[in-house]
């Protein structure tokens, strides 16, 4: 019986943007991508050795209804939130935060100069999990399983299950309803690999350095469902962030940092935030400003 191979269906360019306090990013997101990225909502990349591009960081702001995954390649980022969690993540580390019913947090550079390179991924939560208690955990670089490939190159699996050359790699994150697979793949010049993972998962490959036979730098490929995915690096090699997950196929209503299923839920979220319901009594005494998100609610 032949193996069903995943094929490239669409390619999308990450767009130069700005967020937080003037942080320069490349972003892959938008209503036109909600269906094909599902269950993922957004992929941001920071990559600069100019402190002016990142020094403002991401001061205190709220989230509800999804999870954020921050993966650092170079540099240091400090996270703190209203639950009292605080810590610094560095090269190879991951900070996985479930906003759930609501969290107020900040992510700030823990450096004044030098290279800061990393990603933030937004992973949607199913409707019946959006109002669960928020949760936070760090995943250190040394706890992320990796495999050095025969012809050079490397694969690191942050979450989920992935097989290559009869070797199985499983990330350390507990299972999620969306069954997310997140892997960082570095290939040498003209290297080819074949990856196997659950057929039902959607698959997106973002090339963040170099190129593949199908994609250039900062292009994301959306692939068909199948049992295996083949990636062919270009002449300069390729660095690829692979995301796969079980599509939720649920309505999406988004207003800035809030992602729910209906406009009514967004309106309730705004009332909760503006009344201080997101905040613990201790943090509420700090009189954190309730800065309403700028963009209007959108549904898809």
C-alpha atoms as a PDB file:
ATOM      1  CA  UNK A   1       0.000   0.000   0.000  1.00  0.00           C
ATOM      2  CA  UNK A   2       1.444   3.382  -0.996  1.00  0.00           C
ATOM      3  CA  UNK A   3       1.976   6.133   1.569  1.00  0.00           C
ATOM      4  CA  UNK A   4      -0.183   9.228   1.182  1.00  0.00           C
ATOM      5  CA  UNK A   5       2.261  12.114   0.804  1.00  0.00           C
ATOM      6  CA  UNK A   6       1.424  15.650   1.910  1.00  0.00           C
ATOM      7  CA  UNK A   7       1.641  18.163  -0.938  1.00  0.00           C
ATOM      8  CA  UNK A   8       1.963  21.939  -0.920  1.00  0.00           C
ATOM      9  CA  UNK A   9      -1.438  23.613  -1.322  1.00  0.00           C
ATOM     10  CA  UNK A  10      -0.713  27.280  -0.594  1.00  0.00           C
ATOM     11  CA  UNK A  11       2.229  29.572   0.170  1.00  0.00           C
ATOM     12  CA  UNK A  12       1.919  32.751   2.252  1.00  0.00           C
ATOM     13  CA  UNK A  13       4.475  35.458   2.969  1.00  0.00           C
ATOM     14  CA  UNK A  14       5.024  36.622   6.559  1.00  0.00           C
ATOM     15  CA  UNK A  15       4.492  40.389   6.609  1.00  0.00           C
ATOM     16  CA  UNK A  16       6.622  43.043   8.289  1.00  0.00           C
ATOM     17  CA  UNK A  17       4.663  44.511  11.192  1.00  0.00           C
ATOM     18  CA  UNK A  18       4.955  46.168  14.588  1.00  0.00           C
ATOM     19  CA  UNK A  19       3.461  45.196  17.944  1.00  0.00           C
ATOM     20  CA  UNK A  20       3.878  45.810  21.646  1.00  0.00           C
ATOM     21  CA  UNK A  21       5.888  48.965  22.347  1.00  0.00           C
ATOM     22  CA  UNK A  22       7.282  49.366  18.842  1.00  0.00           C
ATOM     23  CA  UNK A  23       8.679  45.841  18.426  1.00  0.00           C
ATOM     24  CA  UNK A  24       9.477  44.974  14.791  1.00  0.00           C
ATOM     25  CA  UNK A  25       8.195  41.545  13.795  1.00  0.00           C
ATOM     26  CA  UNK A  26       7.345  39.423  10.790  1.00  0.00           C
ATOM     27  CA  UNK A  27       3.788  38.111  11.172  1.00  0.00           C
ATOM     28  CA  UNK A  28       1.776  35.334   9.613  1.00  0.00           C
ATOM     29  CA  UNK A  29      -1.873  35.855  10.569  1.00  0.00           C
ATOM     30  CA  UNK A  30      -5.204  37.168   9.341  1.00  0.00           C
ATOM     31  CA  UNK A  31      -8.792  36.164   8.694  1.00  0.00           C
ATOM     32  CA  UNK A  32      -7.809  34.709   5.309  1.00  0.00           C
ATOM     33  CA  UNK A  33      -5.514  32.259   7.145  1.00  0.00           C
ATOM     34  CA  UNK A  34      -7.827  31.199   9.985  1.00  0.00           C
ATOM     35  CA  UNK A  35      -9.147  28.147   8.167  1.00  0.00           C
ATOM     36  CA  UNK A  36      -5.833  26.894   6.751  1.00  0.00           C
ATOM     37  CA  UNK A  37      -3.774  27.493   9.922  1.00  0.00           C
ATOM     38  CA  UNK A  38      -6.463  26.025  12.232  1.00  0.00           C
ATOM     39  CA  UNK A  39      -5.870  25.359  15.140  1.00  0.00           C
ATOM     40  CA  UNK A  40      -3.071  27.952  14.997  1.00  0.00           C
ATOM     41  CA  UNK A  41      -3.963  31.635  14.875  1.00  0.00           C
ATOM     42  CA  UNK A  42      -0.699  33.514  14.471  1.00  0.00           C
ATOM     43  CA  UNK A  43       3.053  33.095  14.037  1.00  0.00           C
ATOM     44  CA  UNK A  44       5.316  36.045  14.892  1.00  0.00           C
ATOM     45  CA  UNK A  45       9.083  36.187  14.454  1.00  0.00           C
ATOM     46  CA  UNK A  46      11.472  38.670  16.096  1.00  0.00           C
ATOM     47  CA  UNK A  47      14.963  38.658  14.608  1.00  0.00           C
ATOM     48  CA  UNK A  48      17.170  41.717  15.088  1.00  0.00           C
ATOM     49  CA  UNK A  49      20.506  42.747  16.564  1.00  0.00           C
ATOM     50  CA  UNK A  50      19.334  46.379  16.679  1.00  0.00           C
ATOM     51  CA  UNK A  51      17.964  47.036  20.162  1.00  0.00           C
ATOM     52  CA  UNK A  52      15.681  49.767  18.811  1.00  0.00           C
ATOM     53  CA  UNK A  53      13.692  47.020  17.091  1.00  0.00           C
ATOM     54  CA  UNK A  54      12.825  45.186  20.317  1.00  0.00           C
ATOM     55  CA  UNK A  55      13.808  47.132  23.444  1.00  0.00           C
ATOM     56  CA  UNK A  56      10.239  48.366  24.089  1.00  0.00           C
ATOM     57  CA  UNK A  57       9.076  44.777  24.489  1.00  0.00           C
ATOM     58  CA  UNK A  58       5.504  43.814  25.277  1.00  0.00           C
ATOM     59  CA  UNK A  59       4.332  45.631  28.448  1.00  0.00           C
ATOM     60  CA  UNK A  60       1.381  44.349  30.481  1.00  0.00           C
ATOM     61  CA  UNK A  61      -1.531  43.283  28.304  1.00  0.00           C
ATOM     62  CA  UNK A  62      -4.389  40.755  28.523  1.00  0.00           C
ATOM     63  CA  UNK A  63      -5.278  37.541  26.723  1.00  0.00           C
ATOM     64  CA  UNK A  64      -8.277  35.215  26.782  1.00  0.00           C
ATOM     65  CA  UNK A  65      -9.332  32.131  24.842  1.00  0.00           C
ATOM     66  CA  UNK A  66      -6.093  30.645  23.484  1.00  0.00           C
ATOM     67  CA  UNK A  67      -2.514  29.613  24.268  1.00  0.00           C
ATOM     68  CA  UNK A  68       0.754  31.375  23.498  1.00  0.00           C
ATOM     69  CA  UNK A  69       4.034  29.569  22.870  1.00  0.00           C
ATOM     70  CA  UNK A  70       7.192  31.702  23.016  1.00  0.00           C
ATOM     71  CA  UNK A  71      10.318  30.023  21.617  1.00  0.00           C
ATOM     72  CA  UNK A  72      13.675  31.793  21.950  1.00  0.00           C
ATOM     73  CA  UNK A  73      16.487  31.114  19.491  1.00  0.00           C
ATOM     74  CA  UNK A  74      18.878  33.835  20.702  1.00  0.00           C
ATOM     75  CA  UNK A  75      18.736  36.405  23.492  1.00  0.00           C
ATOM     76  CA  UNK A  76      16.763  36.600  26.731  1.00  0.00           C
ATOM     77  CA  UNK A  77      13.089  37.366  27.440  1.00  0.00           C
ATOM     78  CA  UNK A  78      11.526  37.958  30.866  1.00  0.00           C
ATOM     79  CA  UNK A  79       7.920  36.916  31.428  1.00  0.00           C
ATOM     80  CA  UNK A  80       5.699  37.937  34.331  1.00  0.00           C
ATOM     81  CA  UNK A  81       1.956  37.611  34.852  1.00  0.00           C
ATOM     82  CA  UNK A  82      -0.796  38.497  37.299  1.00  0.00           C
ATOM     83  CA  UNK A  83      -0.688  35.022  38.869  1.00  0.00           C
ATOM     84  CA  UNK A  84       2.809  35.715  40.177  1.00  0.00           C
ATOM     85  CA  UNK A  85       4.701  33.680  37.600  1.00  0.00           C
ATOM     86  CA  UNK A  86       7.989  35.238  36.563  1.00  0.00           C
ATOM     87  CA  UNK A  87      11.083  33.977  34.821  1.00  0.00           C
ATOM     88  CA  UNK A  88      13.626  34.434  32.066  1.00  0.00           C
ATOM     89  CA  UNK A  89      13.887  32.181  29.030  1.00  0.00           C
ATOM     90  CA  UNK A  90      17.002  32.017  26.876  1.00  0.00           C
ATOM     91  CA  UNK A  91      18.333  30.246  23.793  1.00  0.00           C
ATOM     92  CA  UNK A  92      16.393  27.057  23.078  1.00  0.00           C
ATOM     93  CA  UNK A  93      13.863  27.607  25.883  1.00  0.00           C
ATOM     94  CA  UNK A  94      10.084  27.722  25.511  1.00  0.00           C
ATOM     95  CA  UNK A  95       7.419  29.435  27.593  1.00  0.00           C
ATOM     96  CA  UNK A  96       3.950  27.894  27.131  1.00  0.00           C
ATOM     97  CA  UNK A  97       1.065  29.932  28.509  1.00  0.00           C
ATOM     98  CA  UNK A  98      -2.603  28.988  28.463  1.00  0.00           C
ATOM     99  CA  UNK A  99      -4.529  32.234  28.770  1.00  0.00           C
ATOM    100  CA  UNK A 100      -7.800  30.374  29.267  1.00  0.00           C
ATOM    101  CA  UNK A 101     -10.368  32.550  31.044  1.00  0.00           C
ATOM    102  CA  UNK A 102      -7.950  35.435  31.277  1.00  0.00           C
ATOM    103  CA  UNK A 103      -4.405  36.461  32.039  1.00  0.00           C
ATOM    104  CA  UNK A 104      -2.507  39.747  32.172  1.00  0.00           C
ATOM    105  CA  UNK A 105       1.188  39.393  31.425  1.00  0.00           C
ATOM    106  CA  UNK A 106       4.266  41.068  29.996  1.00  0.00           C
ATOM    107  CA  UNK A 107       7.190  39.841  27.914  1.00  0.00           C
ATOM    108  CA  UNK A 108      10.239  42.098  27.965  1.00  0.00           C
ATOM    109  CA  UNK A 109      13.783  41.744  26.616  1.00  0.00           C
ATOM    110  CA  UNK A 110      16.261  40.914  29.369  1.00  0.00           C
ATOM    111  CA  UNK A 111      19.072  42.594  27.440  1.00  0.00           C
ATOM    112  CA  UNK A 112      20.055  46.065  26.294  1.00  0.00           C
ATOM    113  CA  UNK A 113      21.750  45.070  23.050  1.00  0.00           C
ATOM    114  CA  UNK A 114      22.739  42.094  20.912  1.00  0.00           C
ATOM    115  CA  UNK A 115      20.686  39.640  18.884  1.00  0.00           C
ATOM    116  CA  UNK A 116      17.132  38.788  19.909  1.00  0.00           C
ATOM    117  CA  UNK A 117      15.598  36.032  17.801  1.00  0.00           C
ATOM    118  CA  UNK A 118      12.492  34.067  18.614  1.00  0.00           C
ATOM    119  CA  UNK A 119       8.927  33.172  17.778  1.00  0.00           C
ATOM    120  CA  UNK A 120       5.527  33.544  19.358  1.00  0.00           C
ATOM    121  CA  UNK A 121       2.778  31.181  18.259  1.00  0.00           C
ATOM    122  CA  UNK A 122      -0.900  31.526  19.119  1.00  0.00           C
ATOM    123  CA  UNK A 123      -2.731  28.212  19.453  1.00  0.00           C
ATOM    124  CA  UNK A 124      -6.520  28.321  19.659  1.00  0.00           C
ATOM    125  CA  UNK A 125      -8.468  26.594  22.421  1.00  0.00           C
ATOM    126  CA  UNK A 126     -11.711  24.694  21.743  1.00  0.00           C
ATOM    127  CA  UNK A 127     -14.889  26.432  22.883  1.00  0.00           C
ATOM    128  CA  UNK A 128     -15.299  24.204  25.938  1.00  0.00           C
ATOM    129  CA  UNK A 129     -11.764  25.026  27.163  1.00  0.00           C
ATOM    130  CA  UNK A 130     -11.630  28.779  26.596  1.00  0.00           C
ATOM    131  CA  UNK A 131     -12.810  29.593  30.120  1.00  0.00           C
ATOM    132  CA  UNK A 132     -10.569  27.157  31.964  1.00  0.00           C
ATOM    133  CA  UNK A 133      -8.090  28.454  34.530  1.00  0.00           C
ATOM    134  CA  UNK A 134      -4.935  29.975  33.042  1.00  0.00           C
ATOM    135  CA  UNK A 135      -1.725  27.973  33.221  1.00  0.00           C
ATOM    136  CA  UNK A 136       1.961  28.648  32.652  1.00  0.00           C
ATOM    137  CA  UNK A 137       5.063  26.533  32.303  1.00  0.00           C
ATOM    138  CA  UNK A 138       8.647  26.800  31.101  1.00  0.00           C
ATOM    139  CA  UNK A 139      10.270  24.159  28.910  1.00  0.00           C
ATOM    140  CA  UNK A 140      14.048  24.332  29.170  1.00  0.00           C
ATOM    141  CA  UNK A 141      16.262  23.735  26.154  1.00  0.00           C
ATOM    142  CA  UNK A 142      17.822  20.622  27.686  1.00  0.00           C
ATOM    143  CA  UNK A 143      14.398  18.978  28.089  1.00  0.00           C
ATOM    144  CA  UNK A 144      13.444  19.337  24.411  1.00  0.00           C
ATOM    145  CA  UNK A 145      14.192  16.109  22.501  1.00  0.00           C
ATOM    146  CA  UNK A 146      16.415  16.512  19.460  1.00  0.00           C
ATOM    147  CA  UNK A 147      17.928  14.402  16.719  1.00  0.00           C
ATOM    148  CA  UNK A 148      21.097  15.085  14.738  1.00  0.00           C
ATOM    149  CA  UNK A 149      20.521  14.022  11.149  1.00  0.00           C
ATOM    150  CA  UNK A 150      22.858  11.743   9.228  1.00  0.00           C
ATOM    151  CA  UNK A 151      24.029  14.413   6.783  1.00  0.00           C
ATOM    152  CA  UNK A 152      24.090  17.182   9.347  1.00  0.00           C
ATOM    153  CA  UNK A 153      21.151  19.276  10.388  1.00  0.00           C
ATOM    154  CA  UNK A 154      18.980  18.926  13.453  1.00  0.00           C
ATOM    155  CA  UNK A 155      15.370  18.409  14.507  1.00  0.00           C
ATOM    156  CA  UNK A 156      13.977  19.570  17.857  1.00  0.00           C
ATOM    157  CA  UNK A 157      10.437  18.609  18.876  1.00  0.00           C
ATOM    158  CA  UNK A 158       8.894  21.099  21.287  1.00  0.00           C
ATOM    159  CA  UNK A 159       5.478  19.434  21.365  1.00  0.00           C
ATOM    160  CA  UNK A 160       3.765  16.467  19.765  1.00  0.00           C
ATOM    161  CA  UNK A 161       5.007  13.300  18.094  1.00  0.00           C
ATOM    162  CA  UNK A 162       7.169  13.081  14.990  1.00  0.00           C
ATOM    163  CA  UNK A 163       8.949  10.177  13.280  1.00  0.00           C
ATOM    164  CA  UNK A 164      11.954  10.250  10.952  1.00  0.00           C
ATOM    165  CA  UNK A 165      14.098   7.333   9.781  1.00  0.00           C
ATOM    166  CA  UNK A 166      12.203   4.988  12.126  1.00  0.00           C
ATOM    167  CA  UNK A 167      13.083   7.224  15.083  1.00  0.00           C
ATOM    168  CA  UNK A 168      10.253   8.685  17.155  1.00  0.00           C
ATOM    169  CA  UNK A 169      10.573  12.066  18.868  1.00  0.00           C
ATOM    170  CA  UNK A 170       7.986  13.227  21.402  1.00  0.00           C
ATOM    171  CA  UNK A 171       7.843  16.666  22.982  1.00  0.00           C
ATOM    172  CA  UNK A 172       7.552  17.077  26.733  1.00  0.00           C
ATOM    173  CA  UNK A 173       4.310  19.103  26.760  1.00  0.00           C
ATOM    174  CA  UNK A 174       1.210  17.327  28.109  1.00  0.00           C
ATOM    175  CA  UNK A 175      -1.327  16.357  25.460  1.00  0.00           C
ATOM    176  CA  UNK A 176      -3.759  18.975  24.211  1.00  0.00           C
ATOM    177  CA  UNK A 177      -7.146  18.602  22.510  1.00  0.00           C
ATOM    178  CA  UNK A 178      -5.618  20.171  19.404  1.00  0.00           C
ATOM    179  CA  UNK A 179      -2.728  17.632  19.422  1.00  0.00           C
ATOM    180  CA  UNK A 180      -0.162  20.304  18.507  1.00  0.00           C
ATOM    181  CA  UNK A 181       3.120  19.333  16.886  1.00  0.00           C
ATOM    182  CA  UNK A 182       5.800  22.031  16.963  1.00  0.00           C
ATOM    183  CA  UNK A 183       9.269  21.262  15.620  1.00  0.00           C
ATOM    184  CA  UNK A 184      12.335  23.324  14.764  1.00  0.00           C
ATOM    185  CA  UNK A 185      14.183  21.844  11.780  1.00  0.00           C
ATOM    186  CA  UNK A 186      17.608  22.852  10.470  1.00  0.00           C
ATOM    187  CA  UNK A 187      18.734  21.321   7.173  1.00  0.00           C
ATOM    188  CA  UNK A 188      22.077  21.549   5.408  1.00  0.00           C
ATOM    189  CA  UNK A 189      22.453  22.488   1.740  1.00  0.00           C
ATOM    190  CA  UNK A 190      20.220  20.375  -0.536  1.00  0.00           C
ATOM    191  CA  UNK A 191      19.319  17.997   2.296  1.00  0.00           C
ATOM    192  CA  UNK A 192      16.059  16.051   2.008  1.00  0.00           C
ATOM    193  CA  UNK A 193      14.081  14.576   4.894  1.00  0.00           C
ATOM    194  CA  UNK A 194      10.807  12.691   5.138  1.00  0.00           C
ATOM    195  CA  UNK A 195       8.732  13.233   8.270  1.00  0.00           C
ATOM    196  CA  UNK A 196       5.801  11.158   9.480  1.00  0.00           C
ATOM    197  CA  UNK A 197       3.107  12.363  11.874  1.00  0.00           C
ATOM    198  CA  UNK A 198      -0.616  11.945  12.468  1.00  0.00           C
ATOM    199  CA  UNK A 199      -2.511  12.141   9.186  1.00  0.00           C
ATOM    200  CA  UNK A 200      -5.464  14.084  10.609  1.00  0.00           C
ATOM    201  CA  UNK A 201      -3.300  17.048  11.600  1.00  0.00           C
ATOM    202  CA  UNK A 202      -3.101  20.176   9.485  1.00  0.00           C
ATOM    203  CA  UNK A 203       0.492  21.109   8.602  1.00  0.00           C
ATOM    204  CA  UNK A 204       2.287  24.414   8.071  1.00  0.00           C
ATOM    205  CA  UNK A 205       6.021  24.846   7.452  1.00  0.00           C
ATOM    206  CA  UNK A 206       7.500  28.328   7.925  1.00  0.00           C
ATOM    207  CA  UNK A 207      10.954  28.797   6.389  1.00  0.00           C
ATOM    208  CA  UNK A 208      12.726  31.377   8.553  1.00  0.00           C
ATOM    209  CA  UNK A 209      16.183  31.079   7.004  1.00  0.00           C
ATOM    210  CA  UNK A 210      17.351  29.826   3.611  1.00  0.00           C
ATOM    211  CA  UNK A 211      14.884  28.110   1.304  1.00  0.00           C
ATOM    212  CA  UNK A 212      13.320  24.819   0.288  1.00  0.00           C
ATOM    213  CA  UNK A 213      12.388  23.558  -3.165  1.00  0.00           C
ATOM    214  CA  UNK A 214       8.954  25.163  -2.679  1.00  0.00           C
ATOM    215  CA  UNK A 215       9.438  28.080  -0.287  1.00  0.00           C
ATOM    216  CA  UNK A 216      11.669  31.109   0.188  1.00  0.00           C
ATOM    217  CA  UNK A 217      12.691  32.827   3.415  1.00  0.00           C
ATOM    218  CA  UNK A 218       9.715  33.899   5.544  1.00  0.00           C
ATOM    219  CA  UNK A 219       7.258  31.983   3.410  1.00  0.00           C
ATOM    220  CA  UNK A 220       4.887  29.492   5.007  1.00  0.00           C
ATOM    221  CA  UNK A 221       3.634  26.466   3.139  1.00  0.00           C
ATOM    222  CA  UNK A 222       0.208  24.982   3.856  1.00  0.00           C
ATOM    223  CA  UNK A 223       0.175  21.242   3.124  1.00  0.00           C
ATOM    224  CA  UNK A 224      -2.536  18.699   2.398  1.00  0.00           C
ATOM    225  CA  UNK A 225      -3.347  15.941   4.854  1.00  0.00           C
ATOM    226  CA  UNK A 226      -1.312  12.781   4.523  1.00  0.00           C
ATOM    227  CA  UNK A 227       0.997  10.359   6.277  1.00  0.00           C
ATOM    228  CA  UNK A 228       4.350  11.898   5.368  1.00  0.00           C
ATOM    229  CA  UNK A 229       5.869  15.275   4.552  1.00  0.00           C
ATOM    230  CA  UNK A 230       9.042  15.671   2.489  1.00  0.00           C
ATOM    231  CA  UNK A 231      11.186  18.793   2.870  1.00  0.00           C
ATOM    232  CA  UNK A 232      13.995  19.576   0.417  1.00  0.00           C
ATOM    233  CA  UNK A 233      16.481  22.273   1.446  1.00  0.00           C
ATOM    234  CA  UNK A 234      17.865  24.729  -1.088  1.00  0.00           C
ATOM    235  CA  UNK A 235      21.501  25.472  -1.898  1.00  0.00           C
ATOM    236  CA  UNK A 236      22.030  27.441   1.328  1.00  0.00           C
ATOM    237  CA  UNK A 237      20.186  25.023   3.582  1.00  0.00           C
ATOM    238  CA  UNK A 238      16.936  25.782   5.394  1.00  0.00           C
ATOM    239  CA  UNK A 239      15.689  26.525   8.896  1.00  0.00           C
ATOM    240  CA  UNK A 240      12.032  25.593   9.257  1.00  0.00           C
ATOM    241  CA  UNK A 241       9.400  25.895  11.970  1.00  0.00           C
ATOM    242  CA  UNK A 242       6.905  23.060  11.496  1.00  0.00           C
ATOM    243  CA  UNK A 243       3.443  23.431  13.024  1.00  0.00           C
ATOM    244  CA  UNK A 244       0.740  20.780  12.878  1.00  0.00           C
ATOM    245  CA  UNK A 245      -2.484  20.387  14.809  1.00  0.00           C
ATOM    246  CA  UNK A 246      -5.998  18.982  14.831  1.00  0.00           C
ATOM    247  CA  UNK A 247      -8.329  21.577  13.253  1.00  0.00           C
ATOM    248  CA  UNK A 248     -11.103  22.801  15.542  1.00  0.00           C
ATOM    249  CA  UNK A 249     -13.406  23.976  12.727  1.00  0.00           C
ATOM    250  CA  UNK A 250     -15.139  26.366  15.139  1.00  0.00           C
ATOM    251  CA  UNK A 251     -16.206  29.997  14.626  1.00  0.00           C
ATOM    252  CA  UNK A 252     -13.516  32.534  15.515  1.00  0.00           C
ATOM    253  CA  UNK A 253     -14.310  35.966  16.951  1.00  0.00           C
ATOM    254  CA  UNK A 254     -11.201  38.040  17.643  1.00  0.00           C
ATOM    255  CA  UNK A 255     -10.679  41.461  19.176  1.00  0.00           C
ATOM    256  CA  UNK A 256      -6.955  42.115  19.501  1.00  0.00           C
ATOM    257  CA  UNK A 257      -5.637  39.804  22.252  1.00  0.00           C
ATOM    258  CA  UNK A 258      -8.993  38.088  22.846  1.00  0.00           C
ATOM    259  CA  UNK A 259     -10.112  35.069  20.792  1.00  0.00           C
ATOM    260  CA  UNK A 260     -13.568  33.639  21.426  1.00  0.00           C
ATOM    261  CA  UNK A 261     -16.361  32.080  19.345  1.00  0.00           C
ATOM    262  CA  UNK A 262     -18.905  34.905  19.103  1.00  0.00           C
ATOM    263  CA  UNK A 263     -19.245  38.681  19.259  1.00  0.00           C
ATOM    264  CA  UNK A 264     -21.279  38.346  22.472  1.00  0.00           C
ATOM    265  CA  UNK A 265     -18.385  36.497  24.115  1.00  0.00           C
ATOM    266  CA  UNK A 266     -15.971  39.213  22.994  1.00  0.00           C
ATOM    267  CA  UNK A 267     -18.222  41.900  24.468  1.00  0.00           C
ATOM    268  CA  UNK A 268     -18.353  40.007  27.778  1.00  0.00           C
ATOM    269  CA  UNK A 269     -14.575  39.643  27.693  1.00  0.00           C
ATOM    270  CA  UNK A 270     -14.157  43.411  27.302  1.00  0.00           C
ATOM    271  CA  UNK A 271     -16.468  44.015  30.269  1.00  0.00           C
ATOM    272  CA  UNK A 272     -14.504  41.526  32.365  1.00  0.00           C
ATOM    273  CA  UNK A 273     -11.190  43.128  31.474  1.00  0.00           C
ATOM    274  CA  UNK A 274     -12.296  46.715  31.956  1.00  0.00           C
ATOM    275  CA  UNK A 275     -13.809  45.854  35.348  1.00  0.00           C
ATOM    276  CA  UNK A 276     -10.553  44.259  36.516  1.00  0.00           C
ATOM    277  CA  UNK A 277     -12.008  40.747  36.645  1.00  0.00           C
ATOM    278  CA  UNK A 278      -8.862  39.361  35.013  1.00  0.00           C
ATOM    279  CA  UNK A 279      -6.698  40.550  37.871  1.00  0.00           C
ATOM    280  CA  UNK A 280      -5.936  39.054  41.239  1.00  0.00           C
ATOM    281  CA  UNK A 281      -6.649  41.386  44.199  1.00  0.00           C
ATOM    282  CA  UNK A 282      -2.909  41.945  44.725  1.00  0.00           C
ATOM    283  CA  UNK A 283      -2.268  43.022  41.157  1.00  0.00           C
ATOM    284  CA  UNK A 284      -5.459  45.052  40.996  1.00  0.00           C
ATOM    285  CA  UNK A 285      -4.008  47.338  43.671  1.00  0.00           C
ATOM    286  CA  UNK A 286      -1.279  48.293  41.189  1.00  0.00           C
ATOM    287  CA  UNK A 287      -3.945  50.027  39.083  1.00  0.00           C
ATOM    288  CA  UNK A 288      -2.882  48.453  35.820  1.00  0.00           C
ATOM    289  CA  UNK A 289      -4.219  50.603  32.981  1.00  0.00           C
ATOM    290  CA  UNK A 290      -7.039  48.986  31.015  1.00  0.00           C
ATOM    291  CA  UNK A 291      -5.835  49.731  27.524  1.00  0.00           C
ATOM    292  CA  UNK A 292      -8.591  48.609  25.154  1.00  0.00           C
ATOM    293  CA  UNK A 293      -7.286  46.848  22.025  1.00  0.00           C
ATOM    294  CA  UNK A 294      -7.312  49.074  18.953  1.00  0.00           C
ATOM    295  CA  UNK A 295      -8.768  46.864  16.280  1.00  0.00           C
ATOM    296  CA  UNK A 296     -12.475  45.978  16.053  1.00  0.00           C
ATOM    297  CA  UNK A 297     -13.807  42.514  16.640  1.00  0.00           C
ATOM    298  CA  UNK A 298     -13.651  40.216  13.635  1.00  0.00           C
ATOM    299  CA  UNK A 299     -15.368  36.907  13.073  1.00  0.00           C
ATOM    300  CA  UNK A 300     -14.621  34.024  10.762  1.00  0.00           C
END
